[in-house]
């Protein structure tokens, strides 16, 4: 049994080494620079060994994409647990989303299709997703209005469209300073959060991306 456990552990370590090497190459050369030979050279294995774990480059990209989505979900969930007030919670979650994008630029590009085709293999995602976390929080804020599922979905995609758009133009380059871009992000999050409330309700004023 110990021998089987050791073999399984070694296989998992090799698999992770392949993924780590692949992402290191991507960070240096971009997704177009990734290939199986470079991965094998990076970890000093032969190419056939790499193919024992992944059928092709696309399989590696899909695995990295899934890991990226799972990591993003964990970060957004952790951010939601730092606040108790629903609108502060929602703003903290979008800050986590924003920070993830710039800390993991190459992953974000392939996860959400920035300057390249989006890669998604949803059956490998963990059960809870960032979408579900955001929707749950939006529903909590809007509960007195008894919104329909469609209305909540519209609010989520309003957030996502604006924030993903800001992230995308930042990555491509919009000529604005980092400080200006962060202020635009903060203003957008606060403004959309306020739109979730009835007119007589007063939401939280400010958010921060640091």
Foldseek 3Di string as FASTA:
>chain_A
DVVVVVVVVVVVVVLVLLLVLQLVQCVVPNPVRGFLCSSCVSVVHDSVVVCVNPVTPLRSLQVLLQVLQQVLFVQLVVQLVVDDDLLQSLLSSVLSVLVSCVVRVRSVCQCPPQVHDHHYDPVSHDPDGSVNVNLVSLCVLQVVVVDDPVVSVVLVVQLVVVSVVLSSCVVVDDPDDPVVSQVVNFVSSQVSSVVSDDPVDDDDHTHGND
